[in-house]
Amino acid sequence: MLKEERQKQLLNVLYAEGKVMVDDLSAKFSTSRDTIRRDLNELEEQGILKRVYGGAIPQKMIAPSFDGKKNVETDEKYLIAQRALSLLKPDSLIAIDGGTTNVLFASLMPLSTSLRVVTNSFPVVEELRKRPRIEVIFLGGRYNKDSYTTVGETALRQLEDYHFDQCFLGVYALDSKVGASVPHPYEDEAAVKQLMVANSAEVNLMCAASKLRRISNYVICPLESIDRIICGHSVEQKIRQEFQNKIY
């Protein structure tokens, strides 16, 4: 088994069970304890997990702030982030906005990932700086202390200069008729999200299944503008059809 595949499966166990033990992983993957320890050390250096005696626990059950949200639906957010990773196009130009799932998405990118990323999220930048083959362009602007993002006219002027191969956006609510939306106090993020959508060839929305069929006050875009809705948990066929079979 290749190292990256083993580490991916290791992380599946970590997020499913909340911890991993060296002896258990060694038996599961039929490999030496030293190999597992090296895997854990590498993943700790990337900020994904934290070594403890005999094993490891998740480093982030998602990034700080978003303080009331960081432990909400963590397992599904991990599944969403993993699915989003499988969609990345190597050496492309992508946009990632703020949000807890987005931070986990960035933190799980392998060190070998080669991309150019435009983002307005401080926590996303903090994760991507650890990846030597990812060029990061950070948008300036006014600092939104609630979301750890930059917003406003400066950020929007910079975004106008880009056309993205893909964008990966967090969402607070998604309705088949109203579209994607955000609530107060995140309304100043809406304009940034809107422009990322308008300037992207492919729009991927990272959305927990519990946020489907919900509506907030500030609309980002209609369902027609979204290419893919990345959920973690299974969604019944009736709802899939309602969302034009865009749920991935």
Protein backbone atom coordinates (compact mmCIF):
# COMPACT_ATOMS: atom_id res chain seq x y z
CA MET A 1 0.00 0.00 0.00
CA LEU A 2 1.32 3.44 -0.92
CA LYS A 3 2.09 5.80 1.94
CA GLU A 4 -0.51 8.40 0.96
CA GLU A 5 -3.24 5.76 0.70
CA ARG A 6 -2.26 4.31 4.08
CA GLN A 7 -2.29 7.76 5.67
CA LYS A 8 -5.68 8.49 4.14
CA GLN A 9 -7.12 5.30 5.62
CA LEU A 10 -5.41 6.09 8.91
CA LEU A 11 -7.22 9.43 9.00
CA ASN A 12 -10.52 7.70 8.24
CA VAL A 13 -10.02 5.64 11.39
CA LEU A 14 -8.92 8.70 13.38
CA TYR A 15 -12.02 10.74 12.57
CA ALA A 16 -14.39 7.80 12.89
CA GLU A 17 -13.12 6.73 16.31
CA GLY A 18 -11.66 9.95 17.73
CA LYS A 19 -8.22 8.42 18.30
CA VAL A 20 -5.79 5.84 16.88
CA MET A 21 -3.26 3.54 18.53
CA VAL A 22 0.04 2.48 16.97
CA ASP A 23 -0.40 -1.22 17.78
CA ASP A 24 -3.91 -1.32 16.30
CA LEU A 25 -2.83 0.46 13.11
CA SER A 26 0.19 -1.78 12.72
CA ALA A 27 -2.06 -4.83 12.80
CA LYS A 28 -4.72 -3.24 10.56
CA PHE A 29 -2.27 -2.28 7.81
CA SER A 30 0.10 -5.26 8.27
CA THR A 31 3.07 -2.97 8.64
CA SER A 32 5.65 -2.18 11.31
CA ARG A 33 5.08 0.03 14.32
CA ASP A 34 7.96 2.23 13.16
CA THR A 35 6.19 2.83 9.84
CA ILE A 36 3.00 3.83 11.65
CA ARG A 37 4.96 6.12 13.98
CA ARG A 38 6.53 7.83 10.95
CA ASP A 39 3.08 8.29 9.43
CA LEU A 40 1.78 9.83 12.64
CA ASN A 41 4.81 12.11 12.93
CA GLU A 42 4.35 13.35 9.35
CA LEU A 43 0.66 14.01 9.89
CA GLU A 44 1.45 15.83 13.13
CA GLU A 45 3.95 18.05 11.28
CA GLN A 46 1.14 18.94 8.88
CA GLY A 47 -1.05 19.94 11.83
CA ILE A 48 -3.66 17.25 11.20
CA LEU A 49 -3.27 15.24 14.38
CA LYS A 50 -1.59 15.36 17.78
CA ARG A 51 0.64 12.57 19.07
CA VAL A 52 -0.26 11.13 22.46
CA TYR A 53 1.21 8.18 24.33
CA GLY A 54 0.81 5.11 22.13
CA GLY A 55 -1.10 6.84 19.35
CA ALA A 56 -2.76 10.08 18.27
CA ILE A 57 -5.90 12.22 18.45
CA PRO A 58 -7.26 14.80 15.97
CA GLN A 59 -5.46 18.13 16.15
CA LYS A 60 -8.54 20.04 15.06
CA MET A 61 -12.12 19.02 15.40
CA ILE A 62 -12.05 21.81 13.33
CA ALA A 63 -10.31 25.12 13.34
CA PRO A 64 -10.74 27.61 16.15
CA SER A 65 -13.49 30.16 16.11
CA PHE A 66 -16.30 29.72 14.36
CA ASP A 67 -16.18 28.98 18.10
CA GLY A 68 -19.68 27.68 18.46
CA LYS A 69 -19.36 25.53 15.33
CA LYS A 70 -16.01 23.84 15.64
CA ASN A 71 -17.30 20.58 17.12
CA VAL A 72 -20.55 20.47 15.19
CA GLU A 73 -20.93 17.65 12.65
CA THR A 74 -17.18 17.03 12.73
CA ASP A 75 -17.37 13.55 11.25
CA GLU A 76 -19.45 14.71 8.32
CA LYS A 77 -17.19 17.69 7.75
CA TYR A 78 -14.26 15.29 7.50
CA LEU A 79 -16.13 13.18 4.94
CA ILE A 80 -17.01 16.32 2.96
CA ALA A 81 -13.39 17.47 3.01
CA GLN A 82 -12.18 14.06 1.83
CA ARG A 83 -14.66 14.04 -1.05
CA ALA A 84 -13.65 17.57 -2.02
CA LEU A 85 -10.01 16.45 -2.11
CA SER A 86 -10.88 13.81 -4.71
CA LEU A 87 -12.20 16.57 -6.99
CA LEU A 88 -9.10 18.78 -6.97
CA LYS A 89 -7.53 19.35 -10.37
CA PRO A 90 -3.71 19.37 -10.08
CA ASP A 91 -1.89 22.58 -11.01
CA SER A 92 -5.14 24.51 -11.31
CA LEU A 93 -6.17 27.89 -9.93
CA ILE A 94 -8.84 27.53 -7.25
CA ALA A 95 -10.71 29.72 -4.79
CA ILE A 96 -11.46 28.71 -1.20
CA ASP A 97 -13.49 30.94 1.09
CA GLY A 98 -13.90 30.85 4.86
CA GLY A 99 -15.61 28.21 6.96
CA THR A 100 -14.76 25.33 9.23
CA THR A 101 -15.15 22.63 6.57
CA ASN A 102 -12.91 24.64 4.24
CA VAL A 103 -10.18 24.75 6.88
CA LEU A 104 -10.35 21.00 7.34
CA PHE A 105 -10.28 20.62 3.54
CA ALA A 106 -7.07 22.65 3.38
CA SER A 107 -5.49 20.82 6.32
CA LEU A 108 -5.99 17.43 4.64
CA MET A 109 -4.29 18.35 1.36
CA PRO A 110 -1.24 16.10 0.89
CA LEU A 111 2.18 17.75 0.88
CA SER A 112 2.54 16.68 -2.77
CA THR A 113 -0.49 18.76 -3.85
CA SER A 114 0.39 21.31 -6.54
CA LEU A 115 -2.04 24.23 -6.82
CA ARG A 116 -2.50 27.97 -6.85
CA VAL A 117 -5.07 29.00 -4.26
CA VAL A 118 -6.81 32.34 -3.79
CA THR A 119 -8.48 32.70 -0.40
CA ASN A 120 -9.78 35.30 2.04
CA SER A 121 -9.53 32.97 5.06
CA PHE A 122 -6.76 33.37 7.63
CA PRO A 123 -7.14 29.77 8.95
CA VAL A 124 -7.00 28.38 5.40
CA VAL A 125 -3.78 30.30 4.76
CA GLU A 126 -2.32 28.93 7.98
CA GLU A 127 -2.95 25.38 6.76
CA LEU A 128 -1.73 25.93 3.20
CA ARG A 129 1.54 27.57 4.24
CA LYS A 130 2.71 24.10 5.33
CA ARG A 131 2.38 22.75 1.79
CA PRO A 132 5.44 23.64 -0.30
CA ARG A 133 3.86 23.12 -3.72
CA ILE A 134 0.80 25.31 -3.13
CA GLU A 135 1.10 28.97 -4.09
CA VAL A 136 -1.21 31.05 -1.90
CA ILE A 137 -2.70 34.41 -2.89
CA PHE A 138 -4.36 36.06 0.08
CA LEU A 139 -7.04 38.68 -0.49
CA GLY A 140 -6.74 41.93 1.41
CA GLY A 141 -9.63 43.86 2.84
CA ARG A 142 -11.54 44.50 6.03
CA TYR A 143 -11.20 41.82 8.68
CA ASN A 144 -14.38 40.02 9.71
CA LYS A 145 -13.66 38.89 13.27
CA ASP A 146 -16.61 36.49 13.32
CA SER A 147 -15.43 34.43 10.35
CA TYR A 148 -11.64 35.08 10.31
CA THR A 149 -11.94 36.31 6.71
CA THR A 150 -11.26 39.46 4.73
CA VAL A 151 -14.27 41.13 3.12
CA GLY A 152 -15.26 44.41 1.50
CA GLU A 153 -14.31 46.44 -1.57
CA THR A 154 -10.57 45.69 -1.49
CA ALA A 155 -11.16 41.94 -1.54
CA LEU A 156 -13.75 42.29 -4.29
CA ARG A 157 -11.48 44.40 -6.51
CA GLN A 158 -8.76 41.77 -6.25
CA LEU A 159 -11.18 38.94 -7.04
CA GLU A 160 -12.24 40.65 -10.27
CA ASP A 161 -8.81 39.87 -11.76
CA TYR A 162 -9.24 36.09 -11.55
CA HIS A 163 -11.02 33.34 -13.41
CA PHE A 164 -10.87 30.15 -11.37
CA ASP A 165 -10.78 26.58 -12.61
CA GLN A 166 -12.66 25.58 -9.47
CA CYS A 167 -14.02 27.14 -6.31
CA PHE A 168 -14.83 25.41 -3.04
CA LEU A 169 -17.27 27.31 -0.86
CA GLY A 170 -18.74 26.75 2.56
CA VAL A 171 -22.45 27.27 3.00
CA TYR A 172 -24.82 27.96 5.88
CA ALA A 173 -28.07 27.06 4.13
CA LEU A 174 -29.12 25.64 0.77
CA ASP A 175 -32.63 25.54 -0.67
CA SER A 176 -33.57 24.23 -4.09
CA LYS A 177 -35.63 27.35 -4.91
CA VAL A 178 -33.79 30.13 -3.04
CA GLY A 179 -30.28 28.75 -3.53
CA ALA A 180 -27.27 29.11 -1.22
CA SER A 181 -27.45 31.72 1.52
CA VAL A 182 -25.78 33.02 4.68
CA PRO A 183 -27.19 34.57 7.88
CA HIS A 184 -26.19 37.57 9.99
CA PRO A 185 -23.38 38.32 10.98
CA TYR A 186 -21.89 36.83 7.81
CA GLU A 187 -23.69 38.99 5.27
CA ASP A 188 -20.50 40.79 4.25
CA GLU A 189 -19.11 37.41 3.15
CA ALA A 190 -21.96 37.04 0.65
CA ALA A 191 -20.46 39.46 -1.90
CA VAL A 192 -17.11 37.64 -1.81
CA LYS A 193 -18.80 34.28 -2.28
CA GLN A 194 -20.94 35.70 -5.11
CA LEU A 195 -17.90 36.89 -7.04
CA MET A 196 -16.04 33.62 -6.51
CA VAL A 197 -19.04 31.82 -7.99
CA ALA A 198 -19.34 34.24 -10.93
CA ASN A 199 -15.62 33.94 -11.76
CA SER A 200 -15.34 30.14 -11.55
CA ALA A 201 -15.61 27.52 -14.28
CA GLU A 202 -16.70 24.95 -11.67
CA VAL A 203 -18.55 25.67 -8.43
CA ASN A 204 -18.36 23.15 -5.60
CA LEU A 205 -20.47 23.77 -2.51
CA MET A 206 -19.40 21.96 0.67
CA CYS A 207 -22.63 21.39 2.54
CA ALA A 208 -23.61 19.20 5.49
CA ALA A 209 -26.80 17.29 4.74
CA SER A 210 -28.52 19.03 7.67
CA LYS A 211 -28.19 22.37 5.84
CA LEU A 212 -30.25 21.23 2.86
CA ARG A 213 -33.76 22.67 2.58
CA ARG A 214 -32.77 25.62 4.76
CA ILE A 215 -32.90 29.34 3.97
CA SER A 216 -30.90 32.26 5.38
CA ASN A 217 -31.30 35.99 4.73
CA TYR A 218 -28.46 36.79 2.32
CA VAL A 219 -28.46 34.88 -0.96
CA ILE A 220 -25.17 33.87 -2.59
CA CYS A 221 -26.36 32.20 -5.78
CA PRO A 222 -29.20 30.10 -7.24
CA LEU A 223 -28.97 26.32 -7.48
CA GLU A 224 -28.41 26.66 -11.22
CA SER A 225 -25.02 28.30 -10.60
CA ILE A 226 -23.76 25.34 -8.56
CA ASP A 227 -22.09 22.40 -10.31
CA ARG A 228 -21.75 20.09 -7.33
CA ILE A 229 -23.04 19.88 -3.76
CA ILE A 230 -20.59 17.91 -1.63
CA CYS A 231 -22.30 16.23 1.31
CA GLY A 232 -20.83 13.79 3.78
CA HIS A 233 -23.80 11.73 4.90
CA SER A 234 -26.18 9.95 2.55
CA VAL A 235 -29.13 11.88 1.16
CA GLU A 236 -32.38 10.20 0.16
CA GLN A 237 -33.23 10.02 -3.53
CA LYS A 238 -36.21 12.39 -3.27
CA ILE A 239 -33.96 15.17 -1.96
CA ARG A 240 -31.30 14.39 -4.57
CA GLN A 241 -33.87 14.90 -7.30
CA GLU A 242 -35.06 18.11 -5.66
CA PHE A 243 -31.50 19.43 -5.92
CA GLN A 244 -31.22 18.43 -9.58
CA ASN A 245 -29.01 15.40 -8.77
CA LYS A 246 -26.10 17.73 -8.00
CA ILE A 247 -25.40 16.11 -4.62
CA TYR A 248 -22.06 14.32 -4.68
